[in-house]
Amino acid sequence: MLCHRIKQFREYNNLNCKIIADVLGITEDEYKAFETNEANPSIDIIKALARLYKVTVDEFYGYTP
């Protein structure tokens, strides 16, 4: 699931939700909703996360190059 991958990337990079939310320009609660599957991030958020973690958008969906 996308929510698990988003959390997995954040934890792997030793970042907290507040830092990621600030980088994305959203509230911490909005970001946490992505990790708990209460909300789906837009493609723009996924692209921003991919740039932040230096991975492809496909990797958020479980596809590896």
N, C-alpha and C. Protein backbone atom coordinates (compact mmCIF):
# COMPACT_ATOMS: atom_id res chain seq x y z
N MET A 1 0.83 -1.20 0.00
CA MET A 1 0.00 0.00 0.00
C MET A 1 0.87 1.25 0.00
N LEU A 2 0.37 2.27 -0.62
CA LEU A 2 1.09 3.53 -0.73
C LEU A 2 1.41 4.11 0.65
N CYS A 3 0.47 4.05 1.58
CA CYS A 3 0.69 4.64 2.90
C CYS A 3 1.89 4.00 3.60
N HIS A 4 2.05 2.71 3.44
CA HIS A 4 3.18 2.02 4.06
C HIS A 4 4.51 2.44 3.43
N ARG A 5 4.51 2.62 2.12
CA ARG A 5 5.74 3.03 1.44
C ARG A 5 6.14 4.45 1.84
N ILE A 6 5.16 5.33 1.97
CA ILE A 6 5.45 6.70 2.37
C ILE A 6 6.10 6.71 3.75
N LYS A 7 5.53 5.95 4.67
CA LYS A 7 6.08 5.87 6.02
C LYS A 7 7.46 5.20 6.01
N GLN A 8 7.58 4.17 5.22
CA GLN A 8 8.84 3.43 5.13
C GLN A 8 9.99 4.34 4.65
N PHE A 9 9.75 5.12 3.63
CA PHE A 9 10.78 6.04 3.13
C PHE A 9 11.14 7.08 4.20
N ARG A 10 10.14 7.60 4.89
CA ARG A 10 10.42 8.61 5.93
C ARG A 10 11.27 8.01 7.05
N GLU A 11 10.87 6.84 7.53
CA GLU A 11 11.61 6.21 8.62
C GLU A 11 13.02 5.81 8.18
N TYR A 12 13.16 5.31 6.98
CA TYR A 12 14.48 4.91 6.47
C TYR A 12 15.44 6.09 6.45
N ASN A 13 14.90 7.28 6.18
CA ASN A 13 15.71 8.49 6.12
C ASN A 13 15.78 9.23 7.46
N ASN A 14 15.27 8.60 8.51
CA ASN A 14 15.32 9.17 9.87
C ASN A 14 14.75 10.58 9.95
N LEU A 15 13.60 10.78 9.34
CA LEU A 15 12.93 12.07 9.37
C LEU A 15 11.63 11.95 10.16
N ASN A 16 11.18 13.06 10.72
CA ASN A 16 9.88 13.01 11.40
C ASN A 16 8.80 13.65 10.53
N CYS A 17 7.58 13.43 10.91
CA CYS A 17 6.45 13.90 10.10
C CYS A 17 6.43 15.41 9.94
N LYS A 18 6.81 16.13 10.99
CA LYS A 18 6.79 17.60 10.94
C LYS A 18 7.75 18.12 9.88
N ILE A 19 8.94 17.55 9.80
CA ILE A 19 9.93 17.98 8.81
C ILE A 19 9.39 17.77 7.39
N ILE A 20 8.83 16.60 7.14
CA ILE A 20 8.30 16.28 5.81
C ILE A 20 7.14 17.21 5.47
N ALA A 21 6.25 17.42 6.42
CA ALA A 21 5.11 18.31 6.19
C ALA A 21 5.58 19.72 5.84
N ASP A 22 6.60 20.21 6.56
CA ASP A 22 7.13 21.54 6.27
C ASP A 22 7.70 21.62 4.86
N VAL A 23 8.44 20.59 4.47
CA VAL A 23 9.02 20.56 3.12
C VAL A 23 7.91 20.57 2.06
N LEU A 24 6.84 19.84 2.33
CA LEU A 24 5.73 19.75 1.37
C LEU A 24 4.80 20.96 1.42
N GLY A 25 4.91 21.76 2.46
CA GLY A 25 4.04 22.93 2.58
C GLY A 25 2.63 22.58 3.03
N ILE A 26 2.52 21.52 3.84
CA ILE A 26 1.23 21.09 4.36
C ILE A 26 1.35 20.95 5.88
N THR A 27 0.23 20.72 6.55
CA THR A 27 0.28 20.55 8.00
C THR A 27 0.75 19.14 8.33
N GLU A 28 1.22 18.99 9.56
CA GLU A 28 1.65 17.68 10.02
C GLU A 28 0.48 16.68 10.01
N ASP A 29 -0.70 17.14 10.39
CA ASP A 29 -1.88 16.27 10.38
C ASP A 29 -2.22 15.80 8.97
N GLU A 30 -2.09 16.69 8.00
CA GLU A 30 -2.34 16.30 6.61
C GLU A 30 -1.35 15.21 6.18
N TYR A 31 -0.09 15.40 6.55
CA TYR A 31 0.91 14.40 6.19
C TYR A 31 0.64 13.07 6.89
N LYS A 32 0.32 13.12 8.17
CA LYS A 32 0.05 11.88 8.92
C LYS A 32 -1.14 11.12 8.31
N ALA A 33 -2.08 11.85 7.75
CA ALA A 33 -3.23 11.20 7.11
C ALA A 33 -2.78 10.35 5.92
N PHE A 34 -1.71 10.73 5.24
CA PHE A 34 -1.18 9.92 4.14
C PHE A 34 -0.61 8.61 4.67
N GLU A 35 0.09 8.68 5.79
CA GLU A 35 0.72 7.49 6.36
C GLU A 35 -0.28 6.54 6.98
N THR A 36 -1.42 7.05 7.41
CA THR A 36 -2.43 6.19 8.04
C THR A 36 -3.54 5.81 7.07
N ASN A 37 -3.38 6.17 5.82
CA ASN A 37 -4.34 5.84 4.76
C ASN A 37 -5.71 6.50 4.97
N GLU A 38 -5.72 7.63 5.67
CA GLU A 38 -6.96 8.39 5.85
C GLU A 38 -7.18 9.35 4.69
N ALA A 39 -6.10 9.63 3.97
CA ALA A 39 -6.17 10.52 2.80
C ALA A 39 -5.16 10.03 1.78
N ASN A 40 -5.45 10.31 0.52
CA ASN A 40 -4.52 9.95 -0.55
C ASN A 40 -3.79 11.20 -1.03
N PRO A 41 -2.47 11.11 -1.09
CA PRO A 41 -1.71 12.27 -1.57
C PRO A 41 -1.92 12.50 -3.06
N SER A 42 -1.87 13.75 -3.45
CA SER A 42 -1.98 14.06 -4.88
C SER A 42 -0.71 13.62 -5.58
N ILE A 43 -0.75 13.57 -6.88
CA ILE A 43 0.43 13.20 -7.65
C ILE A 43 1.54 14.22 -7.42
N ASP A 44 1.18 15.49 -7.19
CA ASP A 44 2.20 16.51 -6.92
C ASP A 44 2.92 16.23 -5.61
N ILE A 45 2.21 15.74 -4.62
CA ILE A 45 2.83 15.38 -3.34
C ILE A 45 3.75 14.17 -3.54
N ILE A 46 3.29 13.19 -4.30
CA ILE A 46 4.12 12.00 -4.57
C ILE A 46 5.39 12.41 -5.30
N LYS A 47 5.26 13.28 -6.27
CA LYS A 47 6.45 13.74 -7.01
C LYS A 47 7.41 14.50 -6.09
N ALA A 48 6.88 15.32 -5.21
CA ALA A 48 7.73 16.06 -4.28
C ALA A 48 8.44 15.10 -3.32
N LEU A 49 7.75 14.08 -2.86
CA LEU A 49 8.38 13.08 -1.99
C LEU A 49 9.46 12.31 -2.73
N ALA A 50 9.19 11.98 -3.97
CA ALA A 50 10.18 11.25 -4.78
C ALA A 50 11.44 12.10 -4.96
N ARG A 51 11.28 13.38 -5.22
CA ARG A 51 12.44 14.27 -5.34
C ARG A 51 13.19 14.36 -4.02
N LEU A 52 12.45 14.47 -2.92
CA LEU A 52 13.07 14.58 -1.60
C LEU A 52 13.93 13.35 -1.29
N TYR A 53 13.38 12.17 -1.57
CA TYR A 53 14.09 10.92 -1.26
C TYR A 53 15.00 10.44 -2.39
N LYS A 54 14.99 11.17 -3.50
CA LYS A 54 15.82 10.82 -4.66
C LYS A 54 15.51 9.41 -5.18
N VAL A 55 14.21 9.16 -5.37
CA VAL A 55 13.73 7.90 -5.93
C VAL A 55 12.74 8.22 -7.03
N THR A 56 12.28 7.19 -7.73
CA THR A 56 11.27 7.39 -8.76
C THR A 56 9.88 7.33 -8.14
N VAL A 57 8.93 7.92 -8.82
CA VAL A 57 7.54 7.85 -8.38
C VAL A 57 7.09 6.38 -8.33
N ASP A 58 7.55 5.58 -9.29
CA ASP A 58 7.19 4.16 -9.32
C ASP A 58 7.56 3.44 -8.03
N GLU A 59 8.65 3.84 -7.42
CA GLU A 59 9.09 3.17 -6.19
C GLU A 59 8.10 3.37 -5.04
N PHE A 60 7.35 4.45 -5.06
CA PHE A 60 6.31 4.63 -4.04
C PHE A 60 5.18 3.63 -4.21
N TYR A 61 5.02 3.14 -5.41
CA TYR A 61 3.95 2.16 -5.68
C TYR A 61 4.49 0.73 -5.68
N GLY A 62 5.73 0.56 -5.25
CA GLY A 62 6.29 -0.77 -5.11
C GLY A 62 7.02 -1.32 -6.32
N TYR A 63 7.12 -0.52 -7.36
CA TYR A 63 7.85 -0.95 -8.56
C TYR A 63 9.31 -0.54 -8.43
N THR A 64 10.22 -1.44 -8.67
CA THR A 64 11.63 -1.11 -8.58
C THR A 64 12.26 -1.16 -9.96
N PRO A 65 13.21 -0.27 -10.21
CA PRO A 65 13.84 -0.22 -11.52
C PRO A 65 14.75 -1.43 -11.77
